[in-house]
């Protein structure tokens, strides 16, 4: 059956940032599709809450407390995943964000905030993916890497986002580079690039009617994204349905970039 192409039975996925607003939705969706999931996060309380919710739903996730800005933590997270489940097939990089908290004019962008945004969005993706892919190569079964970029990797915005667009643009480029290098190991590397997604991280921004209206007015489908809007595309890139797709950045934006 065609729908079986999207099943993940027998696969093991590691989800850095899996207790966040986007990551927890993706973790639940991958579990429902049949995957065994390791959720990696430095937020211990959020990690416990997410794993408890998944356990109530009948899944048995592995919780790994780790700071993925540190190489030793990233390596440990991948090693614990393989030790617990016996393999590692998929990584979905769901750590990121922070842009709305540090908005500065480009000519004045301060280095500490620049470093923080690149560390949060880019360094974590690099270190976690390196660790996971080493495990995939050692396993010899191929694998899937899914990065979460943003429309801001493609489009500028007159709102002080220099560090964020630099990080997401780099993730787009790394997605293509990794896809090229790791194809020989049968590892597919793709990314999704959402527009504004309604998560707890941006709740205060969306509570401002004027701000929300300005965002929605630029989106042809007339609303901001929901975390569930990202699940289908991520399942596509995690599954055999995308076995001949690599190096692609799929924009999930309600038509925003079509109008630019």
C-alpha atoms as a PDB file:
ATOM      1  CA  UNK A   1       0.000   0.000   0.000  1.00  0.00           C
ATOM      2  CA  UNK A   2       1.271   3.515  -0.779  1.00  0.00           C
ATOM      3  CA  UNK A   3       0.689   4.665   2.819  1.00  0.00           C
ATOM      4  CA  UNK A   4       3.216   2.108   4.056  1.00  0.00           C
ATOM      5  CA  UNK A   5       5.920   4.233   2.431  1.00  0.00           C
ATOM      6  CA  UNK A   6       5.426   6.738   5.256  1.00  0.00           C
ATOM      7  CA  UNK A   7       5.678   4.196   8.088  1.00  0.00           C
ATOM      8  CA  UNK A   8       8.754   4.179  10.310  1.00  0.00           C
ATOM      9  CA  UNK A   9       8.388   0.769  11.924  1.00  0.00           C
ATOM     10  CA  UNK A  10      11.729  -0.595  13.075  1.00  0.00           C
ATOM     11  CA  UNK A  11      13.435   2.797  12.757  1.00  0.00           C
ATOM     12  CA  UNK A  12      15.078   4.759  15.562  1.00  0.00           C
ATOM     13  CA  UNK A  13      14.960   8.540  15.558  1.00  0.00           C
ATOM     14  CA  UNK A  14      16.876  11.038  17.662  1.00  0.00           C
ATOM     15  CA  UNK A  15      15.157  14.402  18.075  1.00  0.00           C
ATOM     16  CA  UNK A  16      17.285  17.196  19.534  1.00  0.00           C
ATOM     17  CA  UNK A  17      14.910  19.788  20.970  1.00  0.00           C
ATOM     18  CA  UNK A  18      12.181  17.164  21.116  1.00  0.00           C
ATOM     19  CA  UNK A  19      10.456  18.695  24.125  1.00  0.00           C
ATOM     20  CA  UNK A  20       9.950  22.106  22.500  1.00  0.00           C
ATOM     21  CA  UNK A  21       6.818  23.388  20.818  1.00  0.00           C
ATOM     22  CA  UNK A  22       7.752  22.014  17.392  1.00  0.00           C
ATOM     23  CA  UNK A  23       9.904  19.133  18.591  1.00  0.00           C
ATOM     24  CA  UNK A  24       7.258  17.588  20.839  1.00  0.00           C
ATOM     25  CA  UNK A  25       4.731  17.534  17.985  1.00  0.00           C
ATOM     26  CA  UNK A  26       7.277  15.870  15.718  1.00  0.00           C
ATOM     27  CA  UNK A  27       8.264  13.363  18.417  1.00  0.00           C
ATOM     28  CA  UNK A  28       4.638  12.325  18.888  1.00  0.00           C
ATOM     29  CA  UNK A  29       4.137  12.017  15.125  1.00  0.00           C
ATOM     30  CA  UNK A  30       7.219   9.874  14.603  1.00  0.00           C
ATOM     31  CA  UNK A  31       6.142   7.596  17.449  1.00  0.00           C
ATOM     32  CA  UNK A  32       2.685   7.257  15.908  1.00  0.00           C
ATOM     33  CA  UNK A  33       4.328   6.345  12.582  1.00  0.00           C
ATOM     34  CA  UNK A  34       6.086   3.449  14.314  1.00  0.00           C
ATOM     35  CA  UNK A  35       9.511   4.849  15.174  1.00  0.00           C
ATOM     36  CA  UNK A  36      11.301   4.442  18.465  1.00  0.00           C
ATOM     37  CA  UNK A  37      12.362   7.880  19.594  1.00  0.00           C
ATOM     38  CA  UNK A  38      15.137   9.389  21.700  1.00  0.00           C
ATOM     39  CA  UNK A  39      14.269  12.902  22.837  1.00  0.00           C
ATOM     40  CA  UNK A  40      17.301  15.033  23.584  1.00  0.00           C
ATOM     41  CA  UNK A  41      16.975  18.314  25.441  1.00  0.00           C
ATOM     42  CA  UNK A  42      18.707  20.353  28.120  1.00  0.00           C
ATOM     43  CA  UNK A  43      15.330  21.357  29.598  1.00  0.00           C
ATOM     44  CA  UNK A  44      14.929  18.557  32.137  1.00  0.00           C
ATOM     45  CA  UNK A  45      11.375  19.494  33.127  1.00  0.00           C
ATOM     46  CA  UNK A  46      10.222  19.758  29.527  1.00  0.00           C
ATOM     47  CA  UNK A  47      11.938  16.485  28.719  1.00  0.00           C
ATOM     48  CA  UNK A  48      10.103  14.723  31.536  1.00  0.00           C
ATOM     49  CA  UNK A  49       6.734  16.199  30.546  1.00  0.00           C
ATOM     50  CA  UNK A  50       7.091  15.245  26.894  1.00  0.00           C
ATOM     51  CA  UNK A  51       8.211  11.704  27.645  1.00  0.00           C
ATOM     52  CA  UNK A  52       5.360  11.271  30.124  1.00  0.00           C
ATOM     53  CA  UNK A  53       2.797  12.383  27.532  1.00  0.00           C
ATOM     54  CA  UNK A  54       4.213   9.975  24.961  1.00  0.00           C
ATOM     55  CA  UNK A  55       4.257   7.156  27.494  1.00  0.00           C
ATOM     56  CA  UNK A  56       0.574   7.738  28.269  1.00  0.00           C
ATOM     57  CA  UNK A  57      -0.093   7.479  24.519  1.00  0.00           C
ATOM     58  CA  UNK A  58       1.621   4.082  24.470  1.00  0.00           C
ATOM     59  CA  UNK A  59       5.129   5.010  23.305  1.00  0.00           C
ATOM     60  CA  UNK A  60       8.375   4.355  25.152  1.00  0.00           C
ATOM     61  CA  UNK A  61      10.729   7.226  24.342  1.00  0.00           C
ATOM     62  CA  UNK A  62      14.258   7.513  25.647  1.00  0.00           C
ATOM     63  CA  UNK A  63      14.954  10.765  27.498  1.00  0.00           C
ATOM     64  CA  UNK A  64      18.481  12.129  27.126  1.00  0.00           C
ATOM     65  CA  UNK A  65      19.404  15.264  29.053  1.00  0.00           C
ATOM     66  CA  UNK A  66      22.141  17.019  27.086  1.00  0.00           C
ATOM     67  CA  UNK A  67      23.410  20.446  26.060  1.00  0.00           C
ATOM     68  CA  UNK A  68      23.956  20.072  22.344  1.00  0.00           C
ATOM     69  CA  UNK A  69      26.121  23.147  22.095  1.00  0.00           C
ATOM     70  CA  UNK A  70      28.779  20.834  23.587  1.00  0.00           C
ATOM     71  CA  UNK A  71      30.388  18.156  21.422  1.00  0.00           C
ATOM     72  CA  UNK A  72      30.768  15.717  24.292  1.00  0.00           C
ATOM     73  CA  UNK A  73      27.040  15.938  25.040  1.00  0.00           C
ATOM     74  CA  UNK A  74      26.131  15.463  21.382  1.00  0.00           C
ATOM     75  CA  UNK A  75      28.363  12.403  21.129  1.00  0.00           C
ATOM     76  CA  UNK A  76      26.910  11.007  24.352  1.00  0.00           C
ATOM     77  CA  UNK A  77      23.324  11.534  23.165  1.00  0.00           C
ATOM     78  CA  UNK A  78      23.946   9.532  19.986  1.00  0.00           C
ATOM     79  CA  UNK A  79      25.810   6.828  21.911  1.00  0.00           C
ATOM     80  CA  UNK A  80      23.020   6.481  24.483  1.00  0.00           C
ATOM     81  CA  UNK A  81      20.462   6.217  21.688  1.00  0.00           C
ATOM     82  CA  UNK A  82      22.380   3.406  19.991  1.00  0.00           C
ATOM     83  CA  UNK A  83      23.032   1.658  23.315  1.00  0.00           C
ATOM     84  CA  UNK A  84      19.349   1.771  24.272  1.00  0.00           C
ATOM     85  CA  UNK A  85      17.737   0.929  20.925  1.00  0.00           C
ATOM     86  CA  UNK A  86      20.563  -0.851  19.120  1.00  0.00           C
ATOM     87  CA  UNK A  87      20.655   1.493  16.134  1.00  0.00           C
ATOM     88  CA  UNK A  88      20.100   5.058  14.914  1.00  0.00           C
ATOM     89  CA  UNK A  89      18.390   5.752  11.590  1.00  0.00           C
ATOM     90  CA  UNK A  90      16.980   9.283  11.722  1.00  0.00           C
ATOM     91  CA  UNK A  91      17.831  12.645  13.216  1.00  0.00           C
ATOM     92  CA  UNK A  92      15.368  15.541  13.226  1.00  0.00           C
ATOM     93  CA  UNK A  93      17.049  18.745  14.374  1.00  0.00           C
ATOM     94  CA  UNK A  94      14.352  20.658  16.249  1.00  0.00           C
ATOM     95  CA  UNK A  95      16.509  23.028  18.322  1.00  0.00           C
ATOM     96  CA  UNK A  96      16.363  26.662  17.292  1.00  0.00           C
ATOM     97  CA  UNK A  97      14.593  29.989  17.440  1.00  0.00           C
ATOM     98  CA  UNK A  98      15.371  32.948  19.642  1.00  0.00           C
ATOM     99  CA  UNK A  99      15.311  35.531  16.866  1.00  0.00           C
ATOM    100  CA  UNK A 100      12.530  37.664  18.321  1.00  0.00           C
ATOM    101  CA  UNK A 101      14.452  38.115  21.574  1.00  0.00           C
ATOM    102  CA  UNK A 102      17.526  39.727  20.027  1.00  0.00           C
ATOM    103  CA  UNK A 103      16.610  42.187  17.281  1.00  0.00           C
ATOM    104  CA  UNK A 104      19.268  44.762  16.403  1.00  0.00           C
ATOM    105  CA  UNK A 105      20.111  46.945  13.430  1.00  0.00           C
ATOM    106  CA  UNK A 106      22.576  45.126  11.194  1.00  0.00           C
ATOM    107  CA  UNK A 107      25.311  47.734  11.606  1.00  0.00           C
ATOM    108  CA  UNK A 108      25.060  47.494  15.400  1.00  0.00           C
ATOM    109  CA  UNK A 109      24.407  43.783  15.899  1.00  0.00           C
ATOM    110  CA  UNK A 110      26.269  42.869  19.136  1.00  0.00           C
ATOM    111  CA  UNK A 111      28.662  39.933  19.063  1.00  0.00           C
ATOM    112  CA  UNK A 112      27.386  38.170  22.239  1.00  0.00           C
ATOM    113  CA  UNK A 113      23.836  37.997  20.830  1.00  0.00           C
ATOM    114  CA  UNK A 114      25.186  37.027  17.396  1.00  0.00           C
ATOM    115  CA  UNK A 115      27.154  34.161  18.937  1.00  0.00           C
ATOM    116  CA  UNK A 116      24.139  33.028  20.977  1.00  0.00           C
ATOM    117  CA  UNK A 117      21.805  32.817  17.969  1.00  0.00           C
ATOM    118  CA  UNK A 118      24.371  30.956  15.848  1.00  0.00           C
ATOM    119  CA  UNK A 119      25.154  28.604  18.720  1.00  0.00           C
ATOM    120  CA  UNK A 120      21.462  27.857  19.330  1.00  0.00           C
ATOM    121  CA  UNK A 121      20.485  27.396  15.688  1.00  0.00           C
ATOM    122  CA  UNK A 122      23.644  26.292  13.879  1.00  0.00           C
ATOM    123  CA  UNK A 123      26.155  24.794  16.315  1.00  0.00           C
ATOM    124  CA  UNK A 124      23.559  22.442  17.827  1.00  0.00           C
ATOM    125  CA  UNK A 125      22.569  21.228  14.356  1.00  0.00           C
ATOM    126  CA  UNK A 126      26.193  20.666  13.401  1.00  0.00           C
ATOM    127  CA  UNK A 127      27.245  18.771  16.531  1.00  0.00           C
ATOM    128  CA  UNK A 128      24.112  16.634  16.862  1.00  0.00           C
ATOM    129  CA  UNK A 129      24.158  15.705  13.176  1.00  0.00           C
ATOM    130  CA  UNK A 130      27.843  14.813  13.153  1.00  0.00           C
ATOM    131  CA  UNK A 131      27.310  12.470  16.107  1.00  0.00           C
ATOM    132  CA  UNK A 132      24.181  10.887  14.642  1.00  0.00           C
ATOM    133  CA  UNK A 133      25.633  10.418  11.163  1.00  0.00           C
ATOM    134  CA  UNK A 134      28.744   8.708  12.529  1.00  0.00           C
ATOM    135  CA  UNK A 135      26.385   6.183  14.138  1.00  0.00           C
ATOM    136  CA  UNK A 136      24.462   5.791  10.853  1.00  0.00           C
ATOM    137  CA  UNK A 137      27.657   5.207   8.889  1.00  0.00           C
ATOM    138  CA  UNK A 138      28.827   2.654  11.447  1.00  0.00           C
ATOM    139  CA  UNK A 139      25.455   0.900  11.231  1.00  0.00           C
ATOM    140  CA  UNK A 140      25.698   0.597   7.451  1.00  0.00           C
ATOM    141  CA  UNK A 141      21.938   0.899   6.889  1.00  0.00           C
ATOM    142  CA  UNK A 142      21.779   4.422   5.506  1.00  0.00           C
ATOM    143  CA  UNK A 143      19.742   7.065   7.267  1.00  0.00           C
ATOM    144  CA  UNK A 144      17.779  10.291   7.205  1.00  0.00           C
ATOM    145  CA  UNK A 145      18.745  13.771   8.355  1.00  0.00           C
ATOM    146  CA  UNK A 146      16.018  16.410   8.603  1.00  0.00           C
ATOM    147  CA  UNK A 147      16.971  19.984   9.440  1.00  0.00           C
ATOM    148  CA  UNK A 148      14.590  22.753  10.420  1.00  0.00           C
ATOM    149  CA  UNK A 149      15.461  25.938   8.598  1.00  0.00           C
ATOM    150  CA  UNK A 150      13.196  28.941   8.012  1.00  0.00           C
ATOM    151  CA  UNK A 151      11.933  31.140   5.215  1.00  0.00           C
ATOM    152  CA  UNK A 152      14.441  33.587   6.700  1.00  0.00           C
ATOM    153  CA  UNK A 153      17.176  31.451   5.204  1.00  0.00           C
ATOM    154  CA  UNK A 154      15.895  32.669   1.841  1.00  0.00           C
ATOM    155  CA  UNK A 155      14.341  36.071   2.531  1.00  0.00           C
ATOM    156  CA  UNK A 156      15.543  39.127   4.377  1.00  0.00           C
ATOM    157  CA  UNK A 157      13.241  41.030   6.724  1.00  0.00           C
ATOM    158  CA  UNK A 158      13.474  44.640   7.870  1.00  0.00           C
ATOM    159  CA  UNK A 159      13.376  43.695  11.541  1.00  0.00           C
ATOM    160  CA  UNK A 160      16.881  43.170  12.916  1.00  0.00           C
ATOM    161  CA  UNK A 161      17.251  39.457  12.153  1.00  0.00           C
ATOM    162  CA  UNK A 162      20.877  39.435  10.927  1.00  0.00           C
ATOM    163  CA  UNK A 163      22.108  36.588  13.121  1.00  0.00           C
ATOM    164  CA  UNK A 164      19.002  34.455  12.577  1.00  0.00           C
ATOM    165  CA  UNK A 165      19.030  34.739   8.791  1.00  0.00           C
ATOM    166  CA  UNK A 166      22.756  33.968   8.808  1.00  0.00           C
ATOM    167  CA  UNK A 167      22.173  30.807  10.859  1.00  0.00           C
ATOM    168  CA  UNK A 168      19.253  29.576   8.762  1.00  0.00           C
ATOM    169  CA  UNK A 169      21.003  30.401   5.499  1.00  0.00           C
ATOM    170  CA  UNK A 170      23.936  28.321   6.704  1.00  0.00           C
ATOM    171  CA  UNK A 171      21.611  25.427   7.522  1.00  0.00           C
ATOM    172  CA  UNK A 172      20.245  25.557   3.969  1.00  0.00           C
ATOM    173  CA  UNK A 173      23.779  25.403   2.584  1.00  0.00           C
ATOM    174  CA  UNK A 174      24.813  22.624   4.969  1.00  0.00           C
ATOM    175  CA  UNK A 175      21.749  20.625   3.958  1.00  0.00           C
ATOM    176  CA  UNK A 176      22.922  20.641   0.346  1.00  0.00           C
ATOM    177  CA  UNK A 177      26.562  20.011   1.278  1.00  0.00           C
ATOM    178  CA  UNK A 178      25.794  17.117   3.623  1.00  0.00           C
ATOM    179  CA  UNK A 179      23.443  15.592   1.058  1.00  0.00           C
ATOM    180  CA  UNK A 180      26.294  15.628  -1.436  1.00  0.00           C
ATOM    181  CA  UNK A 181      28.900  14.166   0.919  1.00  0.00           C
ATOM    182  CA  UNK A 182      26.765  11.527   2.612  1.00  0.00           C
ATOM    183  CA  UNK A 183      24.939  10.171  -0.446  1.00  0.00           C
ATOM    184  CA  UNK A 184      27.633   7.504  -0.724  1.00  0.00           C
ATOM    185  CA  UNK A 185      26.478   6.230   2.687  1.00  0.00           C
ATOM    186  CA  UNK A 186      22.806   6.187   1.554  1.00  0.00           C
ATOM    187  CA  UNK A 187      22.000   9.017   3.946  1.00  0.00           C
ATOM    188  CA  UNK A 188      19.364  11.472   2.708  1.00  0.00           C
ATOM    189  CA  UNK A 189      19.632  15.039   3.992  1.00  0.00           C
ATOM    190  CA  UNK A 190      16.745  17.478   3.597  1.00  0.00           C
ATOM    191  CA  UNK A 191      15.266  20.456   5.405  1.00  0.00           C
ATOM    192  CA  UNK A 192      11.946  22.149   5.973  1.00  0.00           C
ATOM    193  CA  UNK A 193      11.704  25.943   5.966  1.00  0.00           C
ATOM    194  CA  UNK A 194       8.590  27.171   7.781  1.00  0.00           C
ATOM    195  CA  UNK A 195       7.307  30.689   8.146  1.00  0.00           C
ATOM    196  CA  UNK A 196       5.998  31.933  11.488  1.00  0.00           C
ATOM    197  CA  UNK A 197       4.783  28.961  13.559  1.00  0.00           C
ATOM    198  CA  UNK A 198       2.557  29.343  16.624  1.00  0.00           C
ATOM    199  CA  UNK A 199       4.587  27.956  19.548  1.00  0.00           C
ATOM    200  CA  UNK A 200       4.985  28.959  23.218  1.00  0.00           C
ATOM    201  CA  UNK A 201       8.228  30.673  22.207  1.00  0.00           C
ATOM    202  CA  UNK A 202       6.334  33.288  20.178  1.00  0.00           C
ATOM    203  CA  UNK A 203       3.065  33.376  22.130  1.00  0.00           C
ATOM    204  CA  UNK A 204       3.651  36.886  23.463  1.00  0.00           C
ATOM    205  CA  UNK A 205       4.280  38.228  19.967  1.00  0.00           C
ATOM    206  CA  UNK A 206       1.076  36.713  18.632  1.00  0.00           C
ATOM    207  CA  UNK A 207      -0.920  38.196  21.518  1.00  0.00           C
ATOM    208  CA  UNK A 208      -0.321  41.593  19.909  1.00  0.00           C
ATOM    209  CA  UNK A 209      -3.206  41.930  17.378  1.00  0.00           C
ATOM    210  CA  UNK A 210      -1.305  44.451  15.254  1.00  0.00           C
ATOM    211  CA  UNK A 211       1.767  42.240  15.016  1.00  0.00           C
ATOM    212  CA  UNK A 212      -0.269  39.126  14.213  1.00  0.00           C
ATOM    213  CA  UNK A 213      -2.257  40.971  11.551  1.00  0.00           C
ATOM    214  CA  UNK A 214       0.958  42.181   9.905  1.00  0.00           C
ATOM    215  CA  UNK A 215       2.270  38.602   9.764  1.00  0.00           C
ATOM    216  CA  UNK A 216      -0.965  37.065   8.482  1.00  0.00           C
ATOM    217  CA  UNK A 217      -1.408  39.780   5.850  1.00  0.00           C
ATOM    218  CA  UNK A 218       1.708  38.515   4.052  1.00  0.00           C
ATOM    219  CA  UNK A 219       0.596  34.864   3.990  1.00  0.00           C
ATOM    220  CA  UNK A 220      -1.807  33.992   1.145  1.00  0.00           C
ATOM    221  CA  UNK A 221      -3.464  31.169   3.111  1.00  0.00           C
ATOM    222  CA  UNK A 222      -4.377  33.730   5.745  1.00  0.00           C
ATOM    223  CA  UNK A 223      -2.953  32.278   8.957  1.00  0.00           C
ATOM    224  CA  UNK A 224       0.289  31.530  10.752  1.00  0.00           C
ATOM    225  CA  UNK A 225       1.611  27.992  10.801  1.00  0.00           C
ATOM    226  CA  UNK A 226       0.750  25.370  13.400  1.00  0.00           C
ATOM    227  CA  UNK A 227       3.237  22.782  14.617  1.00  0.00           C
ATOM    228  CA  UNK A 228       1.086  20.070  13.040  1.00  0.00           C
ATOM    229  CA  UNK A 229       1.628  21.694   9.628  1.00  0.00           C
ATOM    230  CA  UNK A 230       5.261  20.566   9.829  1.00  0.00           C
ATOM    231  CA  UNK A 231       4.561  16.933  10.672  1.00  0.00           C
ATOM    232  CA  UNK A 232       3.596  15.649   7.209  1.00  0.00           C
ATOM    233  CA  UNK A 233       6.666  17.090   5.469  1.00  0.00           C
ATOM    234  CA  UNK A 234       8.954  15.779   8.223  1.00  0.00           C
ATOM    235  CA  UNK A 235       7.426  12.302   7.952  1.00  0.00           C
ATOM    236  CA  UNK A 236       8.006  12.471   4.203  1.00  0.00           C
ATOM    237  CA  UNK A 237      11.703  13.201   4.688  1.00  0.00           C
ATOM    238  CA  UNK A 238      12.084  10.579   7.447  1.00  0.00           C
ATOM    239  CA  UNK A 239      10.454   7.786   5.463  1.00  0.00           C
ATOM    240  CA  UNK A 240      11.059   5.692   2.368  1.00  0.00           C
ATOM    241  CA  UNK A 241       8.594   7.946   0.525  1.00  0.00           C
ATOM    242  CA  UNK A 242      11.551  10.296  -0.016  1.00  0.00           C
ATOM    243  CA  UNK A 243      14.180   7.673  -0.842  1.00  0.00           C
ATOM    244  CA  UNK A 244      15.218   9.535  -4.036  1.00  0.00           C
ATOM    245  CA  UNK A 245      15.013  13.018  -2.515  1.00  0.00           C
ATOM    246  CA  UNK A 246      18.085  14.638  -0.977  1.00  0.00           C
ATOM    247  CA  UNK A 247      19.560  18.117  -0.640  1.00  0.00           C
ATOM    248  CA  UNK A 248      16.159  19.801  -0.759  1.00  0.00           C
ATOM    249  CA  UNK A 249      14.680  22.606   1.335  1.00  0.00           C
ATOM    250  CA  UNK A 250      10.875  22.366   1.413  1.00  0.00           C
ATOM    251  CA  UNK A 251       9.232  25.698   2.182  1.00  0.00           C
ATOM    252  CA  UNK A 252       6.166  25.466   4.442  1.00  0.00           C
ATOM    253  CA  UNK A 253       4.851  28.995   4.450  1.00  0.00           C
ATOM    254  CA  UNK A 254       1.220  29.221   3.373  1.00  0.00           C
ATOM    255  CA  UNK A 255       2.358  30.751   0.086  1.00  0.00           C
ATOM    256  CA  UNK A 256       4.514  33.533   1.583  1.00  0.00           C
ATOM    257  CA  UNK A 257       7.556  33.023  -0.638  1.00  0.00           C
ATOM    258  CA  UNK A 258       5.354  32.690  -3.725  1.00  0.00           C
ATOM    259  CA  UNK A 259       4.478  36.367  -3.301  1.00  0.00           C
ATOM    260  CA  UNK A 260       8.052  37.619  -2.841  1.00  0.00           C
END
